Amino acid sequence: MTDTLTPAPVRIGIVSISDRASSGVYEDKGLPALQDWLTRALKNPITFEPRLIPDEQAKISETLIQLVDAGCALVLTTGGTGPAKRDVTPEATLAVAHKEMPGFGEQMRQISLAFVPTAILSRQVAVIRDQSLIINLPGQPKAIAETLEGLKNPDGSQKVNGIFTAVPYCIDLIEGPYLETNDQVCKAWRPKQK
């Protein structure tokens, strides 16, 4: 019988930002998509902190701060990252940042460009606040999974890494919990131990 260590529990904030969904005009699809993907991708026991809020910059910033203060090592947002007047998620995220992590947004746009030419209109950002990584994701469930997982070849091998490949190591570097991924969904990259 082998001894297996149980992965550390992790608290993750998931925030869907939409005027219409938050007011009940239509059903929110962002929170279920995030929860489903993270549950499949991580071996860690997860406590989700879900929030469904309108496109209001002050409310978004306040929510992000609350989730970080509540101990969320990772906070993922969906929605509000386009060029429309009410799209203020990136501004609200940058307002609470201690460090900006531009590589995440660059990689998300690269992945999305393989599917739609309008990916250049997205303004997703990623930041660090205290010991938490906050990432703005696209609004559509399909695009959420694509940017997190990356692009696969027809044989199932990885063609382009998704952004989540780098998330566990980033959280290691900011002294957060050790995230263990399910390699069939998304393989985390870490430097080889000497």
C-alpha atoms as a PDB file:
ATOM      1  CA  MET A   1       0.000   0.000   0.000  1.00  0.00           C
ATOM      2  CA  THR A   2       1.451   3.353  -1.007  1.00  0.00           C
ATOM      3  CA  ASP A   3       1.232   6.494   1.037  1.00  0.00           C
ATOM      4  CA  THR A   4      -0.407   9.286  -0.927  1.00  0.00           C
ATOM      5  CA  LEU A   5      -0.558  12.801   0.326  1.00  0.00           C
ATOM      6  CA  THR A   6      -3.875  14.531  -0.022  1.00  0.00           C
ATOM      7  CA  PRO A   7      -3.520  17.794  -1.943  1.00  0.00           C
ATOM      8  CA  ALA A   8      -3.923  20.919   0.169  1.00  0.00           C
ATOM      9  CA  PRO A   9      -7.372  22.487   0.229  1.00  0.00           C
ATOM     10  CA  VAL A  10      -7.649  25.712  -1.748  1.00  0.00           C
ATOM     11  CA  ARG A  11     -10.110  28.605  -1.739  1.00  0.00           C
ATOM     12  CA  ILE A  12     -10.898  30.026  -5.187  1.00  0.00           C
ATOM     13  CA  GLY A  13     -12.953  33.100  -5.983  1.00  0.00           C
ATOM     14  CA  ILE A  14     -15.038  32.955  -9.156  1.00  0.00           C
ATOM     15  CA  VAL A  15     -16.720  36.151 -10.293  1.00  0.00           C
ATOM     16  CA  SER A  16     -19.164  36.543 -13.164  1.00  0.00           C
ATOM     17  CA  ILE A  17     -19.575  40.169 -14.198  1.00  0.00           C
ATOM     18  CA  SER A  18     -22.740  40.980 -16.130  1.00  0.00           C
ATOM     19  CA  ASP A  19     -25.433  43.613 -15.759  1.00  0.00           C
ATOM     20  CA  ARG A  20     -28.086  41.395 -17.343  1.00  0.00           C
ATOM     21  CA  ALA A  21     -27.235  38.108 -15.615  1.00  0.00           C
ATOM     22  CA  SER A  22     -26.898  39.783 -12.208  1.00  0.00           C
ATOM     23  CA  SER A  23     -30.345  41.381 -12.632  1.00  0.00           C
ATOM     24  CA  GLY A  24     -31.951  38.083 -13.719  1.00  0.00           C
ATOM     25  CA  VAL A  25     -32.520  38.950 -17.408  1.00  0.00           C
ATOM     26  CA  TYR A  26     -30.763  35.722 -18.378  1.00  0.00           C
ATOM     27  CA  GLU A  27     -29.090  32.791 -16.655  1.00  0.00           C
ATOM     28  CA  ASP A  28     -25.427  33.191 -15.805  1.00  0.00           C
ATOM     29  CA  LYS A  29     -23.254  30.607 -17.547  1.00  0.00           C
ATOM     30  CA  GLY A  30     -19.869  31.912 -16.366  1.00  0.00           C
ATOM     31  CA  LEU A  31     -19.895  30.661 -12.767  1.00  0.00           C
ATOM     32  CA  PRO A  32     -20.963  27.081 -13.649  1.00  0.00           C
ATOM     33  CA  ALA A  33     -18.339  26.970 -16.446  1.00  0.00           C
ATOM     34  CA  LEU A  34     -15.557  28.120 -14.112  1.00  0.00           C
ATOM     35  CA  GLN A  35     -16.576  25.741 -11.329  1.00  0.00           C
ATOM     36  CA  ASP A  36     -16.870  22.781 -13.708  1.00  0.00           C
ATOM     37  CA  TRP A  37     -13.478  23.390 -15.337  1.00  0.00           C
ATOM     38  CA  LEU A  38     -11.622  23.967 -12.058  1.00  0.00           C
ATOM     39  CA  THR A  39     -13.191  20.873 -10.479  1.00  0.00           C
ATOM     40  CA  ARG A  40     -11.930  18.784 -13.412  1.00  0.00           C
ATOM     41  CA  ALA A  41      -8.502  20.459 -13.613  1.00  0.00           C
ATOM     42  CA  LEU A  42      -7.455  20.453  -9.950  1.00  0.00           C
ATOM     43  CA  LYS A  43      -6.907  17.539  -7.582  1.00  0.00           C
ATOM     44  CA  ASN A  44      -7.052  19.869  -4.566  1.00  0.00           C
ATOM     45  CA  PRO A  45     -10.261  20.020  -2.519  1.00  0.00           C
ATOM     46  CA  ILE A  46     -11.746  23.385  -3.556  1.00  0.00           C
ATOM     47  CA  THR A  47     -13.912  25.802  -1.634  1.00  0.00           C
ATOM     48  CA  PHE A  48     -15.512  28.113  -4.187  1.00  0.00           C
ATOM     49  CA  GLU A  49     -16.436  31.694  -3.383  1.00  0.00           C
ATOM     50  CA  PRO A  50     -18.857  32.553  -6.227  1.00  0.00           C
ATOM     51  CA  ARG A  51     -20.055  36.099  -6.952  1.00  0.00           C
ATOM     52  CA  LEU A  52     -22.452  37.358  -9.642  1.00  0.00           C
ATOM     53  CA  ILE A  53     -22.190  41.136  -9.917  1.00  0.00           C
ATOM     54  CA  PRO A  54     -23.029  43.976 -12.344  1.00  0.00           C
ATOM     55  CA  ASP A  55     -20.553  45.815 -14.585  1.00  0.00           C
ATOM     56  CA  GLU A  56     -19.751  48.497 -12.013  1.00  0.00           C
ATOM     57  CA  GLN A  57     -16.086  49.316 -11.548  1.00  0.00           C
ATOM     58  CA  ALA A  58     -16.219  50.119  -7.820  1.00  0.00           C
ATOM     59  CA  LYS A  59     -18.267  46.965  -7.092  1.00  0.00           C
ATOM     60  CA  ILE A  60     -15.841  44.782  -9.070  1.00  0.00           C
ATOM     61  CA  SER A  61     -12.787  46.198  -7.248  1.00  0.00           C
ATOM     62  CA  GLU A  62     -14.523  45.837  -3.882  1.00  0.00           C
ATOM     63  CA  THR A  63     -15.442  42.203  -4.656  1.00  0.00           C
ATOM     64  CA  LEU A  64     -11.879  41.348  -5.710  1.00  0.00           C
ATOM     65  CA  ILE A  65     -10.460  42.840  -2.500  1.00  0.00           C
ATOM     66  CA  GLN A  66     -13.007  40.936  -0.388  1.00  0.00           C
ATOM     67  CA  LEU A  67     -12.109  37.626  -2.067  1.00  0.00           C
ATOM     68  CA  VAL A  68      -8.375  38.185  -1.600  1.00  0.00           C
ATOM     69  CA  ASP A  69      -8.957  39.162   2.042  1.00  0.00           C
ATOM     70  CA  ALA A  70     -11.073  35.987   2.486  1.00  0.00           C
ATOM     71  CA  GLY A  71      -8.018  33.885   1.591  1.00  0.00           C
ATOM     72  CA  CYS A  72      -8.644  33.065  -2.073  1.00  0.00           C
ATOM     73  CA  ALA A  73      -5.293  32.076  -3.594  1.00  0.00           C
ATOM     74  CA  LEU A  74      -6.820  32.418  -7.053  1.00  0.00           C
ATOM     75  CA  VAL A  75      -9.622  34.680  -8.275  1.00  0.00           C
ATOM     76  CA  LEU A  76     -10.997  34.191 -11.780  1.00  0.00           C
ATOM     77  CA  THR A  77     -13.394  36.678 -13.351  1.00  0.00           C
ATOM     78  CA  THR A  78     -15.466  36.277 -16.489  1.00  0.00           C
ATOM     79  CA  GLY A  79     -17.100  39.046 -18.491  1.00  0.00           C
ATOM     80  CA  GLY A  80     -16.680  42.776 -18.964  1.00  0.00           C
ATOM     81  CA  THR A  81     -13.372  42.757 -20.843  1.00  0.00           C
ATOM     82  CA  GLY A  82     -14.385  44.097 -24.254  1.00  0.00           C
ATOM     83  CA  PRO A  83     -14.356  47.663 -25.622  1.00  0.00           C
ATOM     84  CA  ALA A  84     -18.006  48.495 -24.808  1.00  0.00           C
ATOM     85  CA  LYS A  85     -18.726  51.407 -22.475  1.00  0.00           C
ATOM     86  CA  ARG A  86     -19.873  49.141 -19.601  1.00  0.00           C
ATOM     87  CA  ASP A  87     -16.851  46.801 -19.920  1.00  0.00           C
ATOM     88  CA  VAL A  88     -14.728  47.898 -16.943  1.00  0.00           C
ATOM     89  CA  THR A  89     -13.389  44.637 -15.507  1.00  0.00           C
ATOM     90  CA  PRO A  90      -9.735  45.305 -16.507  1.00  0.00           C
ATOM     91  CA  GLU A  91      -9.802  48.801 -14.992  1.00  0.00           C
ATOM     92  CA  ALA A  92     -11.339  47.465 -11.760  1.00  0.00           C
ATOM     93  CA  THR A  93      -8.738  44.695 -11.615  1.00  0.00           C
ATOM     94  CA  LEU A  94      -5.759  46.967 -12.264  1.00  0.00           C
ATOM     95  CA  ALA A  95      -7.043  49.327  -9.542  1.00  0.00           C
ATOM     96  CA  VAL A  96      -6.482  46.641  -6.870  1.00  0.00           C
ATOM     97  CA  ALA A  97      -3.174  45.301  -8.234  1.00  0.00           C
ATOM     98  CA  HIS A  98       0.147  45.172  -6.438  1.00  0.00           C
ATOM     99  CA  LYS A  99       1.799  43.662  -9.551  1.00  0.00           C
ATOM    100  CA  GLU A 100       0.621  43.309 -13.134  1.00  0.00           C
ATOM    101  CA  MET A 101       1.171  39.992 -14.950  1.00  0.00           C
ATOM    102  CA  PRO A 102       0.810  40.906 -18.671  1.00  0.00           C
ATOM    103  CA  GLY A 103       1.812  37.494 -20.040  1.00  0.00           C
ATOM    104  CA  PHE A 104      -1.567  35.994 -19.107  1.00  0.00           C
ATOM    105  CA  GLY A 105      -3.543  38.479 -21.197  1.00  0.00           C
ATOM    106  CA  GLU A 106      -1.119  38.175 -24.101  1.00  0.00           C
ATOM    107  CA  GLN A 107      -1.438  34.375 -24.119  1.00  0.00           C
ATOM    108  CA  MET A 108      -5.251  34.445 -23.838  1.00  0.00           C
ATOM    109  CA  ARG A 109      -5.491  36.690 -26.888  1.00  0.00           C
ATOM    110  CA  GLN A 110      -3.088  34.429 -28.826  1.00  0.00           C
ATOM    111  CA  ILE A 111      -5.228  31.378 -28.061  1.00  0.00           C
ATOM    112  CA  SER A 112      -8.504  33.138 -28.866  1.00  0.00           C
ATOM    113  CA  LEU A 113      -7.126  34.434 -32.182  1.00  0.00           C
ATOM    114  CA  ALA A 114      -7.018  30.819 -33.373  1.00  0.00           C
ATOM    115  CA  PHE A 115     -10.823  30.841 -33.144  1.00  0.00           C
ATOM    116  CA  VAL A 116     -12.019  34.409 -33.769  1.00  0.00           C
ATOM    117  CA  PRO A 117     -10.343  37.459 -35.334  1.00  0.00           C
ATOM    118  CA  THR A 118     -12.111  39.728 -32.832  1.00  0.00           C
ATOM    119  CA  ALA A 119      -9.916  38.336 -30.010  1.00  0.00           C
ATOM    120  CA  ILE A 120      -7.780  41.455 -30.475  1.00  0.00           C
ATOM    121  CA  LEU A 121     -10.670  43.424 -28.941  1.00  0.00           C
ATOM    122  CA  SER A 122     -10.364  41.610 -25.602  1.00  0.00           C
ATOM    123  CA  ARG A 123      -8.627  43.419 -22.764  1.00  0.00           C
ATOM    124  CA  GLN A 124      -8.154  40.680 -20.157  1.00  0.00           C
ATOM    125  CA  VAL A 125      -5.502  41.359 -17.539  1.00  0.00           C
ATOM    126  CA  ALA A 126      -3.961  39.399 -14.679  1.00  0.00           C
ATOM    127  CA  VAL A 127      -2.578  40.832 -11.453  1.00  0.00           C
ATOM    128  CA  ILE A 128      -1.215  39.859  -8.085  1.00  0.00           C
ATOM    129  CA  ARG A 129      -2.683  41.320  -4.923  1.00  0.00           C
ATOM    130  CA  ASP A 130      -1.055  40.155  -1.698  1.00  0.00           C
ATOM    131  CA  GLN A 131      -0.773  36.343  -2.039  1.00  0.00           C
ATOM    132  CA  SER A 132      -3.510  36.035  -4.644  1.00  0.00           C
ATOM    133  CA  LEU A 133      -3.494  35.772  -8.421  1.00  0.00           C
ATOM    134  CA  ILE A 134      -6.445  37.485 -10.129  1.00  0.00           C
ATOM    135  CA  ILE A 135      -7.131  36.703 -13.802  1.00  0.00           C
ATOM    136  CA  ASN A 136      -9.801  38.145 -16.124  1.00  0.00           C
ATOM    137  CA  LEU A 137     -11.138  35.462 -18.472  1.00  0.00           C
ATOM    138  CA  PRO A 138     -13.389  35.747 -21.540  1.00  0.00           C
ATOM    139  CA  GLY A 139     -17.149  35.745 -21.076  1.00  0.00           C
ATOM    140  CA  GLN A 140     -18.202  32.635 -23.010  1.00  0.00           C
ATOM    141  CA  PRO A 141     -17.886  29.164 -21.410  1.00  0.00           C
ATOM    142  CA  LYS A 142     -16.241  27.708 -24.554  1.00  0.00           C
ATOM    143  CA  ALA A 143     -13.667  30.533 -24.612  1.00  0.00           C
ATOM    144  CA  ILE A 144     -13.024  30.112 -20.870  1.00  0.00           C
ATOM    145  CA  ALA A 145     -12.061  26.458 -21.370  1.00  0.00           C
ATOM    146  CA  GLU A 146      -9.986  27.229 -24.486  1.00  0.00           C
ATOM    147  CA  THR A 147      -7.896  29.913 -22.800  1.00  0.00           C
ATOM    148  CA  LEU A 148      -7.374  27.853 -19.634  1.00  0.00           C
ATOM    149  CA  GLU A 149      -6.520  24.582 -21.440  1.00  0.00           C
ATOM    150  CA  GLY A 150      -4.866  25.870 -24.621  1.00  0.00           C
ATOM    151  CA  LEU A 151      -4.927  24.355 -28.089  1.00  0.00           C
ATOM    152  CA  LYS A 152      -4.575  20.652 -28.784  1.00  0.00           C
ATOM    153  CA  ASN A 153      -3.414  18.831 -31.909  1.00  0.00           C
ATOM    154  CA  PRO A 154      -5.786  16.302 -33.541  1.00  0.00           C
ATOM    155  CA  ASP A 155      -3.940  13.506 -31.678  1.00  0.00           C
ATOM    156  CA  GLY A 156      -4.661  15.210 -28.318  1.00  0.00           C
ATOM    157  CA  SER A 157      -1.106  16.448 -27.730  1.00  0.00           C
ATOM    158  CA  GLN A 158      -0.612  20.046 -26.612  1.00  0.00           C
ATOM    159  CA  LYS A 159      -0.196  22.523 -29.491  1.00  0.00           C
ATOM    160  CA  VAL A 160      -0.321  25.793 -27.526  1.00  0.00           C
ATOM    161  CA  ASN A 161      -0.235  25.938 -23.730  1.00  0.00           C
ATOM    162  CA  GLY A 162      -3.248  27.373 -21.979  1.00  0.00           C
ATOM    163  CA  ILE A 163      -2.724  29.954 -19.280  1.00  0.00           C
ATOM    164  CA  PHE A 164      -3.502  27.554 -16.450  1.00  0.00           C
ATOM    165  CA  THR A 165      -0.256  25.685 -17.154  1.00  0.00           C
ATOM    166  CA  ALA A 166       1.559  28.591 -15.455  1.00  0.00           C
ATOM    167  CA  VAL A 167      -0.969  29.286 -12.669  1.00  0.00           C
ATOM    168  CA  PRO A 168       0.243  26.713 -10.068  1.00  0.00           C
ATOM    169  CA  TYR A 169       3.878  27.835 -10.334  1.00  0.00           C
ATOM    170  CA  CYS A 170       2.844  31.502 -10.145  1.00  0.00           C
ATOM    171  CA  ILE A 171       0.931  30.729  -6.946  1.00  0.00           C
ATOM    172  CA  ASP A 172       4.014  28.858  -5.623  1.00  0.00           C
ATOM    173  CA  LEU A 173       6.101  31.992  -6.219  1.00  0.00           C
ATOM    174  CA  ILE A 174       3.680  34.203  -4.271  1.00  0.00           C
ATOM    175  CA  GLU A 175       3.687  31.648  -1.422  1.00  0.00           C
ATOM    176  CA  GLY A 176       0.173  30.373  -1.946  1.00  0.00           C
ATOM    177  CA  PRO A 177      -1.060  26.758  -1.643  1.00  0.00           C
ATOM    178  CA  TYR A 178       0.456  24.009  -3.791  1.00  0.00           C
ATOM    179  CA  LEU A 179      -1.974  23.327  -6.654  1.00  0.00           C
ATOM    180  CA  GLU A 180      -1.998  19.847  -8.174  1.00  0.00           C
ATOM    181  CA  THR A 181      -3.481  19.513 -11.642  1.00  0.00           C
ATOM    182  CA  ASN A 182      -5.173  16.637 -13.397  1.00  0.00           C
ATOM    183  CA  ASP A 183      -2.792  16.204 -16.349  1.00  0.00           C
ATOM    184  CA  GLN A 184      -5.555  14.956 -18.661  1.00  0.00           C
ATOM    185  CA  VAL A 185      -7.201  18.388 -18.385  1.00  0.00           C
ATOM    186  CA  CYS A 186      -4.200  20.677 -17.932  1.00  0.00           C
ATOM    187  CA  LYS A 187      -0.621  19.844 -16.966  1.00  0.00           C
ATOM    188  CA  ALA A 188       1.021  22.361 -14.643  1.00  0.00           C
ATOM    189  CA  TRP A 189       4.583  23.380 -15.447  1.00  0.00           C
ATOM    190  CA  ARG A 190       7.124  23.712 -12.664  1.00  0.00           C
ATOM    191  CA  PRO A 191      10.918  23.792 -12.876  1.00  0.00           C
ATOM    192  CA  LYS A 192      12.595  20.458 -12.269  1.00  0.00           C
ATOM    193  CA  GLN A 193      13.748  19.952  -8.679  1.00  0.00           C
ATOM    194  CA  LYS A 194      17.510  19.528  -8.282  1.00  0.00           C
END
